[in-house]
Amino acid sequence: MPHLYDIPAGYETRMRILKALSEMLRNQPLEAVTVSEICAQADLSRTSFYRHFVDKYGAVNWYNQLFDQRSLAQIGRSMTW
């Protein structure tokens, strides 16, 4: 069974995509951002993007799930309810 903090395959690429998306969201809403723009910002091909995410909303959802998992794992360790 994988440990919570093991880095899954593709994690670095996913985070690169999310970093590019987050930079773009400073200036425009998610609805206005395209996958092509995200790929250009992240210096990745569209094939790489779609290898990791179904669409731009899938990228946001993946990050939210990752954040939730890590936050819940810290409850009782370094965080409280």
PDB file of N, CA and C in Angstrom:
ATOM      1  N   MET A   1       0.840  -1.184   0.000  1.00  0.00           N
ATOM      2  CA  MET A   1       0.000   0.000   0.000  1.00  0.00           C
ATOM      3  C   MET A   1       0.882   1.244   0.000  1.00  0.00           C
ATOM      4  N   PRO A   2       0.626   2.185  -0.909  1.00  0.00           N
ATOM      5  CA  PRO A   2       1.470   3.383  -0.973  1.00  0.00           C
ATOM      6  C   PRO A   2       1.279   4.268   0.251  1.00  0.00           C
ATOM      7  N   HIS A   3       2.329   4.903   0.641  1.00  0.00           N
ATOM      8  CA  HIS A   3       2.308   5.849   1.742  1.00  0.00           C
ATOM      9  C   HIS A   3       1.705   7.156   1.241  1.00  0.00           C
ATOM     10  N   LEU A   4       1.068   7.885   2.111  1.00  0.00           N
ATOM     11  CA  LEU A   4       0.393   9.129   1.752  1.00  0.00           C
ATOM     12  C   LEU A   4       1.339  10.112   1.057  1.00  0.00           C
ATOM     13  N   TYR A   5       2.599  10.123   1.465  1.00  0.00           N
ATOM     14  CA  TYR A   5       3.527  11.104   0.926  1.00  0.00           C
ATOM     15  C   TYR A   5       4.392  10.568  -0.208  1.00  0.00           C
ATOM     16  N   ASP A   6       4.116   9.343  -0.679  1.00  0.00           N
ATOM     17  CA  ASP A   6       4.808   8.848  -1.861  1.00  0.00           C
ATOM     18  C   ASP A   6       4.383   9.706  -3.048  1.00  0.00           C
ATOM     19  N   ILE A   7       5.323  10.019  -3.894  1.00  0.00           N
ATOM     20  CA  ILE A   7       5.008  10.854  -5.057  1.00  0.00           C
ATOM     21  C   ILE A   7       4.556   9.941  -6.187  1.00  0.00           C
ATOM     22  N   PRO A   8       3.298  10.087  -6.607  1.00  0.00           N
ATOM     23  CA  PRO A   8       2.779   9.230  -7.674  1.00  0.00           C
ATOM     24  C   PRO A   8       3.374   9.594  -9.032  1.00  0.00           C
ATOM     25  N   ALA A   9       3.337   8.642  -9.935  1.00  0.00           N
ATOM     26  CA  ALA A   9       3.826   8.885 -11.293  1.00  0.00           C
ATOM     27  C   ALA A   9       3.062  10.059 -11.903  1.00  0.00           C
ATOM     28  N   GLY A  10       3.768  10.927 -12.569  1.00  0.00           N
ATOM     29  CA  GLY A  10       3.146  12.063 -13.225  1.00  0.00           C
ATOM     30  C   GLY A  10       2.903  13.265 -12.331  1.00  0.00           C
ATOM     31  N   TYR A  11       3.264  13.158 -11.065  1.00  0.00           N
ATOM     32  CA  TYR A  11       2.998  14.242 -10.115  1.00  0.00           C
ATOM     33  C   TYR A  11       3.673  15.547 -10.543  1.00  0.00           C
ATOM     34  N   GLU A  12       4.940  15.459 -10.939  1.00  0.00           N
ATOM     35  CA  GLU A  12       5.668  16.674 -11.310  1.00  0.00           C
ATOM     36  C   GLU A  12       5.020  17.364 -12.504  1.00  0.00           C
ATOM     37  N   THR A  13       4.597  16.574 -13.488  1.00  0.00           N
ATOM     38  CA  THR A  13       3.939  17.158 -14.660  1.00  0.00           C
ATOM     39  C   THR A  13       2.612  17.786 -14.267  1.00  0.00           C
ATOM     40  N   ARG A  14       1.856  17.100 -13.438  1.00  0.00           N
ATOM     41  CA  ARG A  14       0.578  17.650 -12.979  1.00  0.00           C
ATOM     42  C   ARG A  14       0.785  18.964 -12.238  1.00  0.00           C
ATOM     43  N   MET A  15       1.782  19.014 -11.388  1.00  0.00           N
ATOM     44  CA  MET A  15       2.039  20.247 -10.644  1.00  0.00           C
ATOM     45  C   MET A  15       2.519  21.365 -11.574  1.00  0.00           C
ATOM     46  N   ARG A  16       3.248  21.013 -12.597  1.00  0.00           N
ATOM     47  CA  ARG A  16       3.680  22.004 -13.585  1.00  0.00           C
ATOM     48  C   ARG A  16       2.469  22.604 -14.294  1.00  0.00           C
ATOM     49  N   ILE A  17       1.517  21.759 -14.643  1.00  0.00           N
ATOM     50  CA  ILE A  17       0.276  22.218 -15.269  1.00  0.00           C
ATOM     51  C   ILE A  17      -0.480  23.128 -14.316  1.00  0.00           C
ATOM     52  N   LEU A  18      -0.579  22.718 -13.058  1.00  0.00           N
ATOM     53  CA  LEU A  18      -1.319  23.512 -12.083  1.00  0.00           C
ATOM     54  C   LEU A  18      -0.643  24.850 -11.796  1.00  0.00           C
ATOM     55  N   LYS A  19       0.681  24.853 -11.798  1.00  0.00           N
ATOM     56  CA  LYS A  19       1.398  26.119 -11.592  1.00  0.00           C
ATOM     57  C   LYS A  19       1.087  27.083 -12.742  1.00  0.00           C
ATOM     58  N   ALA A  20       1.112  26.570 -13.960  1.00  0.00           N
ATOM     59  CA  ALA A  20       0.794  27.410 -15.123  1.00  0.00           C
ATOM     60  C   ALA A  20      -0.641  27.909 -15.036  1.00  0.00           C
ATOM     61  N   LEU A  21      -1.552  27.023 -14.692  1.00  0.00           N
ATOM     62  CA  LEU A  21      -2.960  27.406 -14.580  1.00  0.00           C
ATOM     63  C   LEU A  21      -3.146  28.453 -13.494  1.00  0.00           C
ATOM     64  N   SER A  22      -2.507  28.264 -12.381  1.00  0.00           N
ATOM     65  CA  SER A  22      -2.655  29.217 -11.271  1.00  0.00           C
ATOM     66  C   SER A  22      -2.135  30.594 -11.649  1.00  0.00           C
ATOM     67  N   GLU A  23      -1.046  30.653 -12.392  1.00  0.00           N
ATOM     68  CA  GLU A  23      -0.527  31.943 -12.847  1.00  0.00           C
ATOM     69  C   GLU A  23      -1.520  32.621 -13.792  1.00  0.00           C
ATOM     70  N   MET A  24      -2.156  31.844 -14.635  1.00  0.00           N
ATOM     71  CA  MET A  24      -3.105  32.405 -15.588  1.00  0.00           C
ATOM     72  C   MET A  24      -4.377  32.888 -14.891  1.00  0.00           C
ATOM     73  N   LEU A  25      -4.759  32.206 -13.816  1.00  0.00           N
ATOM     74  CA  LEU A  25      -5.987  32.568 -13.111  1.00  0.00           C
ATOM     75  C   LEU A  25      -5.854  33.881 -12.348  1.00  0.00           C
ATOM     76  N   ARG A  26      -4.659  34.401 -12.237  1.00  0.00           N
ATOM     77  CA  ARG A  26      -4.476  35.712 -11.610  1.00  0.00           C
ATOM     78  C   ARG A  26      -5.063  36.828 -12.468  1.00  0.00           C
ATOM     79  N   ASN A  27      -5.139  36.564 -13.789  1.00  0.00           N
ATOM     80  CA  ASN A  27      -5.557  37.612 -14.720  1.00  0.00           C
ATOM     81  C   ASN A  27      -6.867  37.343 -15.442  1.00  0.00           C
ATOM     82  N   GLN A  28      -7.383  36.119 -15.322  1.00  0.00           N
ATOM     83  CA  GLN A  28      -8.613  35.781 -16.037  1.00  0.00           C
ATOM     84  C   GLN A  28      -9.337  34.637 -15.343  1.00  0.00           C
ATOM     85  N   PRO A  29     -10.634  34.518 -15.558  1.00  0.00           N
ATOM     86  CA  PRO A  29     -11.388  33.430 -14.928  1.00  0.00           C
ATOM     87  C   PRO A  29     -11.092  32.088 -15.609  1.00  0.00           C
ATOM     88  N   LEU A  30     -11.338  31.016 -14.911  1.00  0.00           N
ATOM     89  CA  LEU A  30     -11.093  29.675 -15.432  1.00  0.00           C
ATOM     90  C   LEU A  30     -11.810  29.447 -16.758  1.00  0.00           C
ATOM     91  N   GLU A  31     -13.011  29.953 -16.879  1.00  0.00           N
ATOM     92  CA  GLU A  31     -13.787  29.755 -18.102  1.00  0.00           C
ATOM     93  C   GLU A  31     -13.098  30.342 -19.327  1.00  0.00           C
ATOM     94  N   ALA A  32     -12.286  31.362 -19.134  1.00  0.00           N
ATOM     95  CA  ALA A  32     -11.610  32.022 -20.255  1.00  0.00           C
ATOM     96  C   ALA A  32     -10.285  31.354 -20.630  1.00  0.00           C
ATOM     97  N   VAL A  33      -9.768  30.513 -19.761  1.00  0.00           N
ATOM     98  CA  VAL A  33      -8.487  29.852 -19.999  1.00  0.00           C
ATOM     99  C   VAL A  33      -8.700  28.626 -20.891  1.00  0.00           C
ATOM    100  N   THR A  34      -7.819  28.440 -21.862  1.00  0.00           N
ATOM    101  CA  THR A  34      -7.905  27.265 -22.721  1.00  0.00           C
ATOM    102  C   THR A  34      -6.779  26.280 -22.386  1.00  0.00           C
ATOM    103  N   VAL A  35      -7.000  25.036 -22.758  1.00  0.00           N
ATOM    104  CA  VAL A  35      -5.969  24.020 -22.548  1.00  0.00           C
ATOM    105  C   VAL A  35      -4.717  24.378 -23.348  1.00  0.00           C
ATOM    106  N   SER A  36      -4.896  24.908 -24.531  1.00  0.00           N
ATOM    107  CA  SER A  36      -3.735  25.310 -25.345  1.00  0.00           C
ATOM    108  C   SER A  36      -2.903  26.374 -24.632  1.00  0.00           C
ATOM    109  N   GLU A  37      -3.569  27.325 -23.983  1.00  0.00           N
ATOM    110  CA  GLU A  37      -2.851  28.367 -23.244  1.00  0.00           C
ATOM    111  C   GLU A  37      -2.123  27.781 -22.036  1.00  0.00           C
ATOM    112  N   ILE A  38      -2.771  26.856 -21.349  1.00  0.00           N
ATOM    113  CA  ILE A  38      -2.137  26.210 -20.198  1.00  0.00           C
ATOM    114  C   ILE A  38      -0.881  25.479 -20.659  1.00  0.00           C
ATOM    115  N   CYS A  39      -1.001  24.744 -21.761  1.00  0.00           N
ATOM    116  CA  CYS A  39       0.143  23.991 -22.287  1.00  0.00           C
ATOM    117  C   CYS A  39       1.288  24.912 -22.683  1.00  0.00           C
ATOM    118  N   ALA A  40       0.960  26.023 -23.317  1.00  0.00           N
ATOM    119  CA  ALA A  40       2.001  26.984 -23.707  1.00  0.00           C
ATOM    120  C   ALA A  40       2.699  27.542 -22.473  1.00  0.00           C
ATOM    121  N   GLN A  41       1.921  27.896 -21.455  1.00  0.00           N
ATOM    122  CA  GLN A  41       2.483  28.444 -20.215  1.00  0.00           C
ATOM    123  C   GLN A  41       3.357  27.414 -19.500  1.00  0.00           C
ATOM    124  N   ALA A  42       2.934  26.143 -19.532  1.00  0.00           N
ATOM    125  CA  ALA A  42       3.670  25.070 -18.846  1.00  0.00           C
ATOM    126  C   ALA A  42       4.767  24.467 -19.717  1.00  0.00           C
ATOM    127  N   ASP A  43       4.842  24.903 -20.972  1.00  0.00           N
ATOM    128  CA  ASP A  43       5.800  24.369 -21.939  1.00  0.00           C
ATOM    129  C   ASP A  43       5.640  22.852 -22.087  1.00  0.00           C
ATOM    130  N   LEU A  44       4.386  22.446 -22.298  1.00  0.00           N
ATOM    131  CA  LEU A  44       4.036  21.036 -22.498  1.00  0.00           C
ATOM    132  C   LEU A  44       3.160  20.902 -23.736  1.00  0.00           C
ATOM    133  N   SER A  45       3.115  19.711 -24.276  1.00  0.00           N
ATOM    134  CA  SER A  45       2.215  19.453 -25.398  1.00  0.00           C
ATOM    135  C   SER A  45       0.809  19.182 -24.881  1.00  0.00           C
ATOM    136  N   ARG A  46      -0.167  19.339 -25.763  1.00  0.00           N
ATOM    137  CA  ARG A  46      -1.554  19.013 -25.399  1.00  0.00           C
ATOM    138  C   ARG A  46      -1.669  17.526 -25.071  1.00  0.00           C
ATOM    139  N   THR A  47      -0.885  16.700 -25.750  1.00  0.00           N
ATOM    140  CA  THR A  47      -0.890  15.259 -25.465  1.00  0.00           C
ATOM    141  C   THR A  47      -0.489  15.005 -24.022  1.00  0.00           C
ATOM    142  N   SER A  48       0.537  15.699 -23.551  1.00  0.00           N
ATOM    143  CA  SER A  48       0.962  15.544 -22.150  1.00  0.00           C
ATOM    144  C   SER A  48      -0.141  15.983 -21.203  1.00  0.00           C
ATOM    145  N   PHE A  49      -0.782  17.098 -21.519  1.00  0.00           N
ATOM    146  CA  PHE A  49      -1.870  17.573 -20.666  1.00  0.00           C
ATOM    147  C   PHE A  49      -2.952  16.504 -20.571  1.00  0.00           C
ATOM    148  N   TYR A  50      -3.402  16.004 -21.730  1.00  0.00           N
ATOM    149  CA  TYR A  50      -4.506  15.043 -21.738  1.00  0.00           C
ATOM    150  C   TYR A  50      -4.103  13.659 -21.230  1.00  0.00           C
ATOM    151  N   ARG A  51      -2.823  13.396 -21.134  1.00  0.00           N
ATOM    152  CA  ARG A  51      -2.352  12.158 -20.513  1.00  0.00           C
ATOM    153  C   ARG A  51      -2.642  12.195 -18.999  1.00  0.00           C
ATOM    154  N   HIS A  52      -2.691  13.392 -18.444  1.00  0.00           N
ATOM    155  CA  HIS A  52      -2.866  13.548 -17.001  1.00  0.00           C
ATOM    156  C   HIS A  52      -4.259  14.021 -16.591  1.00  0.00           C
ATOM    157  N   PHE A  53      -4.924  14.773 -17.452  1.00  0.00           N
ATOM    158  CA  PHE A  53      -6.233  15.333 -17.108  1.00  0.00           C
ATOM    159  C   PHE A  53      -7.198  15.221 -18.284  1.00  0.00           C
ATOM    160  N   VAL A  54      -8.466  15.078 -17.962  1.00  0.00           N
ATOM    161  CA  VAL A  54      -9.503  15.023 -18.993  1.00  0.00           C
ATOM    162  C   VAL A  54      -9.732  16.409 -19.588  1.00  0.00           C
ATOM    163  N   ASP A  55      -9.701  17.424 -18.739  1.00  0.00           N
ATOM    164  CA  ASP A  55      -9.889  18.805 -19.164  1.00  0.00           C
ATOM    165  C   ASP A  55      -9.358  19.723 -18.072  1.00  0.00           C
ATOM    166  N   LYS A  56      -9.524  21.028 -18.248  1.00  0.00           N
ATOM    167  CA  LYS A  56      -8.990  21.985 -17.269  1.00  0.00           C
ATOM    168  C   LYS A  56      -9.686  21.852 -15.923  1.00  0.00           C
ATOM    169  N   TYR A  57     -10.953  21.448 -15.937  1.00  0.00           N
ATOM    170  CA  TYR A  57     -11.687  21.262 -14.682  1.00  0.00           C
ATOM    171  C   TYR A  57     -11.164  20.032 -13.931  1.00  0.00           C
ATOM    172  N   GLY A  58     -10.726  19.042 -14.671  1.00  0.00           N
ATOM    173  CA  GLY A  58     -10.123  17.859 -14.057  1.00  0.00           C
ATOM    174  C   GLY A  58      -8.843  18.209 -13.317  1.00  0.00           C
ATOM    175  N   ALA A  59      -8.092  19.163 -13.849  1.00  0.00           N
ATOM    176  CA  ALA A  59      -6.869  19.618 -13.185  1.00  0.00           C
ATOM    177  C   ALA A  59      -7.203  20.291 -11.857  1.00  0.00           C
ATOM    178  N   VAL A  60      -8.199  21.148 -11.868  1.00  0.00           N
ATOM    179  CA  VAL A  60      -8.617  21.832 -10.634  1.00  0.00           C
ATOM    180  C   VAL A  60      -9.144  20.821  -9.626  1.00  0.00           C
ATOM    181  N   ASN A  61      -9.950  19.882 -10.076  1.00  0.00           N
ATOM    182  CA  ASN A  61     -10.500  18.862  -9.171  1.00  0.00           C
ATOM    183  C   ASN A  61      -9.407  17.998  -8.567  1.00  0.00           C
ATOM    184  N   TRP A  62      -8.399  17.627  -9.362  1.00  0.00           N
ATOM    185  CA  TRP A  62      -7.299  16.812  -8.853  1.00  0.00           C
ATOM    186  C   TRP A  62      -6.559  17.556  -7.740  1.00  0.00           C
ATOM    187  N   TYR A  63      -6.300  18.834  -7.951  1.00  0.00           N
ATOM    188  CA  TYR A  63      -5.607  19.615  -6.934  1.00  0.00           C
ATOM    189  C   TYR A  63      -6.439  19.700  -5.650  1.00  0.00           C
ATOM    190  N   ASN A  64      -7.731  19.924  -5.796  1.00  0.00           N
ATOM    191  CA  ASN A  64      -8.597  19.992  -4.613  1.00  0.00           C
ATOM    192  C   ASN A  64      -8.591  18.678  -3.842  1.00  0.00           C
ATOM    193  N   GLN A  65      -8.627  17.561  -4.541  1.00  0.00           N
ATOM    194  CA  GLN A  65      -8.590  16.254  -3.877  1.00  0.00           C
ATOM    195  C   GLN A  65      -7.255  16.039  -3.170  1.00  0.00           C
ATOM    196  N   LEU A  66      -6.171  16.411  -3.827  1.00  0.00           N
ATOM    197  CA  LEU A  66      -4.848  16.277  -3.223  1.00  0.00           C
ATOM    198  C   LEU A  66      -4.744  17.121  -1.960  1.00  0.00           C
ATOM    199  N   PHE A  67      -5.210  18.359  -2.035  1.00  0.00           N
ATOM    200  CA  PHE A  67      -5.181  19.249  -0.880  1.00  0.00           C
ATOM    201  C   PHE A  67      -6.020  18.689   0.267  1.00  0.00           C
ATOM    202  N   ASP A  68      -7.210  18.191  -0.052  1.00  0.00           N
ATOM    203  CA  ASP A  68      -8.078  17.608   0.974  1.00  0.00           C
ATOM    204  C   ASP A  68      -7.423  16.408   1.650  1.00  0.00           C
ATOM    205  N   GLN A  69      -6.814  15.523   0.866  1.00  0.00           N
ATOM    206  CA  GLN A  69      -6.165  14.337   1.426  1.00  0.00           C
ATOM    207  C   GLN A  69      -5.027  14.726   2.359  1.00  0.00           C
ATOM    208  N   ARG A  70      -4.223  15.649   1.931  1.00  0.00           N
ATOM    209  CA  ARG A  70      -3.078  16.061   2.764  1.00  0.00           C
ATOM    210  C   ARG A  70      -3.544  16.801   4.018  1.00  0.00           C
ATOM    211  N   SER A  71      -4.580  17.598   3.892  1.00  0.00           N
ATOM    212  CA  SER A  71      -5.100  18.311   5.053  1.00  0.00           C
ATOM    213  C   SER A  71      -5.677  17.341   6.069  1.00  0.00           C
ATOM    214  N   LEU A  72      -6.471  16.396   5.597  1.00  0.00           N
ATOM    215  CA  LEU A  72      -7.065  15.413   6.510  1.00  0.00           C
ATOM    216  C   LEU A  72      -6.003  14.562   7.180  1.00  0.00           C
ATOM    217  N   ALA A  73      -4.936  14.261   6.485  1.00  0.00           N
ATOM    218  CA  ALA A  73      -3.860  13.458   7.061  1.00  0.00           C
ATOM    219  C   ALA A  73      -3.155  14.199   8.196  1.00  0.00           C
ATOM    220  N   GLN A  74      -3.183  15.522   8.175  1.00  0.00           N
ATOM    221  CA  GLN A  74      -2.495  16.310   9.195  1.00  0.00           C
ATOM    222  C   GLN A  74      -3.336  16.567  10.446  1.00  0.00           C
ATOM    223  N   ILE A  75      -4.626  16.302  10.362  1.00  0.00           N
ATOM    224  CA  ILE A  75      -5.480  16.517  11.527  1.00  0.00           C
ATOM    225  C   ILE A  75      -5.011  15.591  12.646  1.00  0.00           C
ATOM    226  N   GLY A  76      -4.780  16.165  13.781  1.00  0.00           N
ATOM    227  CA  GLY A  76      -4.280  15.414  14.925  1.00  0.00           C
ATOM    228  C   GLY A  76      -2.758  15.385  14.982  1.00  0.00           C
ATOM    229  N   ARG A  77      -2.090  15.791  13.908  1.00  0.00           N
ATOM    230  CA  ARG A  77      -0.633  15.847  13.898  1.00  0.00           C
ATOM    231  C   ARG A  77      -0.174  17.296  14.064  1.00  0.00           C
ATOM    232  N   SER A  78      -0.467  18.094  13.037  1.00  0.00           N
ATOM    233  CA  SER A  78      -0.054  19.489  13.123  1.00  0.00           C
ATOM    234  C   SER A  78      -1.229  20.439  12.947  1.00  0.00           C
ATOM    235  N   MET A  79      -2.427  19.868  12.717  1.00  0.00           N
ATOM    236  CA  MET A  79      -3.638  20.681  12.542  1.00  0.00           C
ATOM    237  C   MET A  79      -4.735  20.151  13.454  1.00  0.00           C
ATOM    238  N   THR A  80      -5.664  21.007  13.755  1.00  0.00           N
ATOM    239  CA  THR A  80      -6.857  20.561  14.487  1.00  0.00           C
ATOM    240  C   THR A  80      -8.070  20.957  13.689  1.00  0.00           C
ATOM    241  N   TRP A  81      -9.193  20.417  14.064  1.00  0.00           N
ATOM    242  CA  TRP A  81     -10.451  20.789  13.393  1.00  0.00           C
ATOM    243  C   TRP A  81     -10.715  22.236  13.701  1.00  0.00           C
TER     244      TRP A  81
END
